[in-house]
Amino acid sequence: MNGQNRNDIYPGLEVDIILKKDQRSGKLTRGIVQNLLTSSAYHSRGIKVRLEDGQVGRVAHIIGDQE
């Protein structure tokens, strides 16, 4: 699942994000969503989130729920 729809993403979800510094290389960073930073319902490049470790990036892939 891609990360373009805000309704698919929520705190506690495991996701792969692309950090701003990795946009050219496409390197993914995996983590757990702490909160959502994009307010619109859809974003073509992915919903921007903050991970529990503080890193901020756009969701590339949704991995699954940790519960």
PDB file of N, CA and C in Angstrom:
ATOM      1  N   MET A   1       0.854  -1.181   0.000  1.00  0.00           N
ATOM      2  CA  MET A   1       0.000   0.000   0.000  1.00  0.00           C
ATOM      3  C   MET A   1       0.898   1.241   0.000  1.00  0.00           C
ATOM      4  N   ASN A   2       0.505   2.222  -0.792  1.00  0.00           N
ATOM      5  CA  ASN A   2       1.300   3.451  -0.815  1.00  0.00           C
ATOM      6  C   ASN A   2       0.825   4.394   0.284  1.00  0.00           C
ATOM      7  N   GLY A   3       1.533   5.459   0.502  1.00  0.00           N
ATOM      8  CA  GLY A   3       1.228   6.371   1.594  1.00  0.00           C
ATOM      9  C   GLY A   3       0.637   7.684   1.148  1.00  0.00           C
ATOM     10  N   GLN A   4      -0.200   7.680   0.106  1.00  0.00           N
ATOM     11  CA  GLN A   4      -0.727   8.925  -0.423  1.00  0.00           C
ATOM     12  C   GLN A   4      -2.046   9.357   0.221  1.00  0.00           C
ATOM     13  N   ASN A   5      -2.766   8.430   0.850  1.00  0.00           N
ATOM     14  CA  ASN A   5      -4.053   8.752   1.461  1.00  0.00           C
ATOM     15  C   ASN A   5      -3.917   8.852   2.973  1.00  0.00           C
ATOM     16  N   ARG A   6      -4.308   9.982   3.519  1.00  0.00           N
ATOM     17  CA  ARG A   6      -4.179  10.244   4.945  1.00  0.00           C
ATOM     18  C   ARG A   6      -4.979   9.245   5.787  1.00  0.00           C
ATOM     19  N   ASN A   7      -6.129   8.790   5.271  1.00  0.00           N
ATOM     20  CA  ASN A   7      -6.983   7.864   6.010  1.00  0.00           C
ATOM     21  C   ASN A   7      -6.318   6.518   6.274  1.00  0.00           C
ATOM     22  N   ASP A   8      -5.296   6.156   5.493  1.00  0.00           N
ATOM     23  CA  ASP A   8      -4.619   4.868   5.636  1.00  0.00           C
ATOM     24  C   ASP A   8      -3.507   4.901   6.687  1.00  0.00           C
ATOM     25  N   ILE A   9      -3.183   6.087   7.192  1.00  0.00           N
ATOM     26  CA  ILE A   9      -2.022   6.250   8.066  1.00  0.00           C
ATOM     27  C   ILE A   9      -2.465   6.769   9.424  1.00  0.00           C
ATOM     28  N   TYR A  10      -1.911   6.186  10.493  1.00  0.00           N
ATOM     29  CA  TYR A  10      -2.271   6.591  11.850  1.00  0.00           C
ATOM     30  C   TYR A  10      -1.106   6.284  12.794  1.00  0.00           C
ATOM     31  N   PRO A  11      -1.070   6.935  13.963  1.00  0.00           N
ATOM     32  CA  PRO A  11       0.005   6.689  14.926  1.00  0.00           C
ATOM     33  C   PRO A  11       0.066   5.215  15.328  1.00  0.00           C
ATOM     34  N   GLY A  12       1.290   4.689  15.412  1.00  0.00           N
ATOM     35  CA  GLY A  12       1.500   3.300  15.773  1.00  0.00           C
ATOM     36  C   GLY A  12       1.690   2.391  14.578  1.00  0.00           C
ATOM     37  N   LEU A  13       1.492   2.917  13.374  1.00  0.00           N
ATOM     38  CA  LEU A  13       1.626   2.135  12.146  1.00  0.00           C
ATOM     39  C   LEU A  13       3.090   2.066  11.725  1.00  0.00           C
ATOM     40  N   GLU A  14       3.535   0.895  11.273  1.00  0.00           N
ATOM     41  CA  GLU A  14       4.904   0.748  10.766  1.00  0.00           C
ATOM     42  C   GLU A  14       4.923   1.110   9.285  1.00  0.00           C
ATOM     43  N   VAL A  15       5.831   2.007   8.922  1.00  0.00           N
ATOM     44  CA  VAL A  15       5.908   2.503   7.550  1.00  0.00           C
ATOM     45  C   VAL A  15       7.354   2.652   7.103  1.00  0.00           C
ATOM     46  N   ASP A  16       7.535   2.729   5.792  1.00  0.00           N
ATOM     47  CA  ASP A  16       8.807   3.132   5.193  1.00  0.00           C
ATOM     48  C   ASP A  16       8.617   4.556   4.709  1.00  0.00           C
ATOM     49  N   ILE A  17       9.545   5.438   5.081  1.00  0.00           N
ATOM     50  CA  ILE A  17       9.469   6.825   4.639  1.00  0.00           C
ATOM     51  C   ILE A  17      10.718   7.190   3.838  1.00  0.00           C
ATOM     52  N   ILE A  18      10.603   8.251   3.059  1.00  0.00           N
ATOM     53  CA  ILE A  18      11.760   8.828   2.373  1.00  0.00           C
ATOM     54  C   ILE A  18      12.060  10.157   3.051  1.00  0.00           C
ATOM     55  N   LEU A  19      13.241  10.248   3.641  1.00  0.00           N
ATOM     56  CA  LEU A  19      13.674  11.487   4.274  1.00  0.00           C
ATOM     57  C   LEU A  19      14.020  12.509   3.198  1.00  0.00           C
ATOM     58  N   LYS A  20      13.947  13.789   3.531  1.00  0.00           N
ATOM     59  CA  LYS A  20      14.262  14.862   2.583  1.00  0.00           C
ATOM     60  C   LYS A  20      15.652  14.659   1.969  1.00  0.00           C
ATOM     61  N   LYS A  21      16.626  14.302   2.803  1.00  0.00           N
ATOM     62  CA  LYS A  21      18.004  14.138   2.319  1.00  0.00           C
ATOM     63  C   LYS A  21      18.165  12.917   1.420  1.00  0.00           C
ATOM     64  N   ASP A  22      17.196  11.984   1.453  1.00  0.00           N
ATOM     65  CA  ASP A  22      17.285  10.760   0.652  1.00  0.00           C
ATOM     66  C   ASP A  22      16.385  10.776  -0.580  1.00  0.00           C
ATOM     67  N   GLN A  23      15.787  11.938  -0.898  1.00  0.00           N
ATOM     68  CA  GLN A  23      14.857  11.991  -2.019  1.00  0.00           C
ATOM     69  C   GLN A  23      15.523  11.620  -3.343  1.00  0.00           C
ATOM     70  N   ARG A  24      16.756  12.048  -3.549  1.00  0.00           N
ATOM     71  CA  ARG A  24      17.447  11.736  -4.804  1.00  0.00           C
ATOM     72  C   ARG A  24      17.771  10.256  -4.910  1.00  0.00           C
ATOM     73  N   SER A  25      18.238   9.651  -3.831  1.00  0.00           N
ATOM     74  CA  SER A  25      18.635   8.240  -3.868  1.00  0.00           C
ATOM     75  C   SER A  25      17.443   7.301  -3.714  1.00  0.00           C
ATOM     76  N   GLY A  26      16.365   7.767  -3.081  1.00  0.00           N
ATOM     77  CA  GLY A  26      15.203   6.916  -2.849  1.00  0.00           C
ATOM     78  C   GLY A  26      15.366   5.966  -1.688  1.00  0.00           C
ATOM     79  N   LYS A  27      16.401   6.184  -0.860  1.00  0.00           N
ATOM     80  CA  LYS A  27      16.644   5.323   0.298  1.00  0.00           C
ATOM     81  C   LYS A  27      15.474   5.413   1.274  1.00  0.00           C
ATOM     82  N   LEU A  28      15.014   4.253   1.742  1.00  0.00           N
ATOM     83  CA  LEU A  28      13.875   4.199   2.653  1.00  0.00           C
ATOM     84  C   LEU A  28      14.333   4.053   4.094  1.00  0.00           C
ATOM     85  N   THR A  29      13.557   4.630   5.006  1.00  0.00           N
ATOM     86  CA  THR A  29      13.805   4.520   6.440  1.00  0.00           C
ATOM     87  C   THR A  29      12.551   3.955   7.066  1.00  0.00           C
ATOM     88  N   ARG A  30      12.693   2.862   7.834  1.00  0.00           N
ATOM     89  CA  ARG A  30      11.533   2.219   8.448  1.00  0.00           C
ATOM     90  C   ARG A  30      11.363   2.709   9.878  1.00  0.00           C
ATOM     91  N   GLY A  31      10.111   2.881  10.270  1.00  0.00           N
ATOM     92  CA  GLY A  31       9.829   3.302  11.632  1.00  0.00           C
ATOM     93  C   GLY A  31       8.343   3.284  11.934  1.00  0.00           C
ATOM     94  N   ILE A  32       8.018   3.695  13.155  1.00  0.00           N
ATOM     95  CA  ILE A  32       6.642   3.727  13.631  1.00  0.00           C
ATOM     96  C   ILE A  32       6.159   5.179  13.631  1.00  0.00           C
ATOM     97  N   VAL A  33       4.968   5.411  13.072  1.00  0.00           N
ATOM     98  CA  VAL A  33       4.401   6.761  12.988  1.00  0.00           C
ATOM     99  C   VAL A  33       4.071   7.287  14.384  1.00  0.00           C
ATOM    100  N   GLN A  34       4.584   8.484  14.694  1.00  0.00           N
ATOM    101  CA  GLN A  34       4.224   9.172  15.933  1.00  0.00           C
ATOM    102  C   GLN A  34       3.041  10.095  15.673  1.00  0.00           C
ATOM    103  N   ASN A  35       3.156  10.921  14.617  1.00  0.00           N
ATOM    104  CA  ASN A  35       2.023  11.776  14.241  1.00  0.00           C
ATOM    105  C   ASN A  35       2.122  12.177  12.774  1.00  0.00           C
ATOM    106  N   LEU A  36       0.970  12.607  12.240  1.00  0.00           N
ATOM    107  CA  LEU A  36       0.869  13.005  10.841  1.00  0.00           C
ATOM    108  C   LEU A  36       1.069  14.511  10.737  1.00  0.00           C
ATOM    109  N   LEU A  37       1.835  14.938   9.738  1.00  0.00           N
ATOM    110  CA  LEU A  37       2.135  16.356   9.559  1.00  0.00           C
ATOM    111  C   LEU A  37       1.405  16.960   8.358  1.00  0.00           C
ATOM    112  N   THR A  38       0.916  16.123   7.442  1.00  0.00           N
ATOM    113  CA  THR A  38       0.147  16.607   6.293  1.00  0.00           C
ATOM    114  C   THR A  38      -1.319  16.683   6.694  1.00  0.00           C
ATOM    115  N   SER A  39      -1.939  17.835   6.458  1.00  0.00           N
ATOM    116  CA  SER A  39      -3.342  17.994   6.859  1.00  0.00           C
ATOM    117  C   SER A  39      -4.324  17.617   5.753  1.00  0.00           C
ATOM    118  N   SER A  40      -3.878  17.633   4.487  1.00  0.00           N
ATOM    119  CA  SER A  40      -4.795  17.302   3.396  1.00  0.00           C
ATOM    120  C   SER A  40      -5.053  15.790   3.355  1.00  0.00           C
ATOM    121  N   ALA A  41      -6.168  15.396   2.747  1.00  0.00           N
ATOM    122  CA  ALA A  41      -6.573  13.989   2.704  1.00  0.00           C
ATOM    123  C   ALA A  41      -5.709  13.166   1.753  1.00  0.00           C
ATOM    124  N   TYR A  42      -5.071  13.837   0.773  1.00  0.00           N
ATOM    125  CA  TYR A  42      -4.275  13.135  -0.237  1.00  0.00           C
ATOM    126  C   TYR A  42      -3.055  13.974  -0.584  1.00  0.00           C
ATOM    127  N   HIS A  43      -1.929  13.303  -0.803  1.00  0.00           N
ATOM    128  CA  HIS A  43      -0.742  13.997  -1.292  1.00  0.00           C
ATOM    129  C   HIS A  43      -0.032  13.085  -2.273  1.00  0.00           C
ATOM    130  N   SER A  44       0.246  13.598  -3.471  1.00  0.00           N
ATOM    131  CA  SER A  44       0.793  12.776  -4.553  1.00  0.00           C
ATOM    132  C   SER A  44       2.167  12.182  -4.243  1.00  0.00           C
ATOM    133  N   ARG A  45       2.961  12.861  -3.409  1.00  0.00           N
ATOM    134  CA  ARG A  45       4.297  12.343  -3.077  1.00  0.00           C
ATOM    135  C   ARG A  45       4.329  11.604  -1.756  1.00  0.00           C
ATOM    136  N   GLY A  46       3.176  11.480  -1.103  1.00  0.00           N
ATOM    137  CA  GLY A  46       3.118  10.752   0.166  1.00  0.00           C
ATOM    138  C   GLY A  46       2.807  11.682   1.327  1.00  0.00           C
ATOM    139  N   ILE A  47       2.088  11.170   2.302  1.00  0.00           N
ATOM    140  CA  ILE A  47       1.733  11.928   3.494  1.00  0.00           C
ATOM    141  C   ILE A  47       2.988  12.104   4.357  1.00  0.00           C
ATOM    142  N   LYS A  48       3.218  13.313   4.822  1.00  0.00           N
ATOM    143  CA  LYS A  48       4.392  13.592   5.651  1.00  0.00           C
ATOM    144  C   LYS A  48       4.081  13.202   7.097  1.00  0.00           C
ATOM    145  N   VAL A  49       4.993  12.459   7.715  1.00  0.00           N
ATOM    146  CA  VAL A  49       4.820  11.993   9.092  1.00  0.00           C
ATOM    147  C   VAL A  49       6.094  12.200   9.903  1.00  0.00           C
ATOM    148  N   ARG A  50       5.930  12.178  11.220  1.00  0.00           N
ATOM    149  CA  ARG A  50       7.068  12.143  12.143  1.00  0.00           C
ATOM    150  C   ARG A  50       7.084  10.757  12.761  1.00  0.00           C
ATOM    151  N   LEU A  51       8.256  10.113  12.721  1.00  0.00           N
ATOM    152  CA  LEU A  51       8.407   8.800  13.335  1.00  0.00           C
ATOM    153  C   LEU A  51       8.663   8.945  14.824  1.00  0.00           C
ATOM    154  N   GLU A  52       8.527   7.841  15.567  1.00  0.00           N
ATOM    155  CA  GLU A  52       8.747   7.867  17.014  1.00  0.00           C
ATOM    156  C   GLU A  52      10.166   8.287  17.375  1.00  0.00           C
ATOM    157  N   ASP A  53      11.122   8.077  16.466  1.00  0.00           N
ATOM    158  CA  ASP A  53      12.509   8.487  16.745  1.00  0.00           C
ATOM    159  C   ASP A  53      12.780   9.934  16.335  1.00  0.00           C
ATOM    160  N   GLY A  54      11.738  10.643  15.850  1.00  0.00           N
ATOM    161  CA  GLY A  54      11.863  12.060  15.542  1.00  0.00           C
ATOM    162  C   GLY A  54      12.141  12.386  14.089  1.00  0.00           C
ATOM    163  N   GLN A  55      12.434  11.390  13.263  1.00  0.00           N
ATOM    164  CA  GLN A  55      12.709  11.643  11.850  1.00  0.00           C
ATOM    165  C   GLN A  55      11.411  11.999  11.119  1.00  0.00           C
ATOM    166  N   VAL A  56      11.537  12.902  10.143  1.00  0.00           N
ATOM    167  CA  VAL A  56      10.376  13.370   9.385  1.00  0.00           C
ATOM    168  C   VAL A  56      10.578  13.048   7.908  1.00  0.00           C
ATOM    169  N   GLY A  57       9.535  12.497   7.291  1.00  0.00           N
ATOM    170  CA  GLY A  57       9.608  12.194   5.868  1.00  0.00           C
ATOM    171  C   GLY A  57       8.243  11.844   5.317  1.00  0.00           C
ATOM    172  N   ARG A  58       8.220  11.533   4.028  1.00  0.00           N
ATOM    173  CA  ARG A  58       6.959  11.189   3.368  1.00  0.00           C
ATOM    174  C   ARG A  58       6.833   9.668   3.259  1.00  0.00           C
ATOM    175  N   VAL A  59       5.639   9.170   3.528  1.00  0.00           N
ATOM    176  CA  VAL A  59       5.388   7.731   3.514  1.00  0.00           C
ATOM    177  C   VAL A  59       5.489   7.190   2.096  1.00  0.00           C
ATOM    178  N   ALA A  60       6.354   6.194   1.913  1.00  0.00           N
ATOM    179  CA  ALA A  60       6.505   5.520   0.626  1.00  0.00           C
ATOM    180  C   ALA A  60       5.714   4.214   0.611  1.00  0.00           C
ATOM    181  N   HIS A  61       5.757   3.473   1.726  1.00  0.00           N
ATOM    182  CA  HIS A  61       5.065   2.177   1.824  1.00  0.00           C
ATOM    183  C   HIS A  61       4.522   2.011   3.241  1.00  0.00           C
ATOM    184  N   ILE A  62       3.348   1.401   3.329  1.00  0.00           N
ATOM    185  CA  ILE A  62       2.790   1.038   4.633  1.00  0.00           C
ATOM    186  C   ILE A  62       3.129  -0.425   4.876  1.00  0.00           C
ATOM    187  N   ILE A  63       3.782  -0.713   6.002  1.00  0.00           N
ATOM    188  CA  ILE A  63       4.210  -2.075   6.317  1.00  0.00           C
ATOM    189  C   ILE A  63       3.119  -2.826   7.068  1.00  0.00           C
ATOM    190  N   GLY A  64       2.660  -2.263   8.164  1.00  0.00           N
ATOM    191  CA  GLY A  64       1.617  -2.928   8.932  1.00  0.00           C
ATOM    192  C   GLY A  64       1.464  -2.347  10.314  1.00  0.00           C
ATOM    193  N   ASP A  65       0.554  -2.941  11.067  1.00  0.00           N
ATOM    194  CA  ASP A  65       0.217  -2.470  12.413  1.00  0.00           C
ATOM    195  C   ASP A  65       1.056  -3.218  13.440  1.00  0.00           C
ATOM    196  N   GLN A  66       1.533  -2.538  14.451  1.00  0.00           N
ATOM    197  CA  GLN A  66       2.361  -3.146  15.488  1.00  0.00           C
ATOM    198  C   GLN A  66       1.571  -3.783  16.611  1.00  0.00           C
ATOM    199  N   GLU A  67       0.268  -3.545  16.652  1.00  0.00           N
ATOM    200  CA  GLU A  67      -0.521  -4.049  17.779  1.00  0.00           C
ATOM    201  C   GLU A  67      -0.696  -5.533  17.737  1.00  0.00           C
TER     202      GLU A  67
END
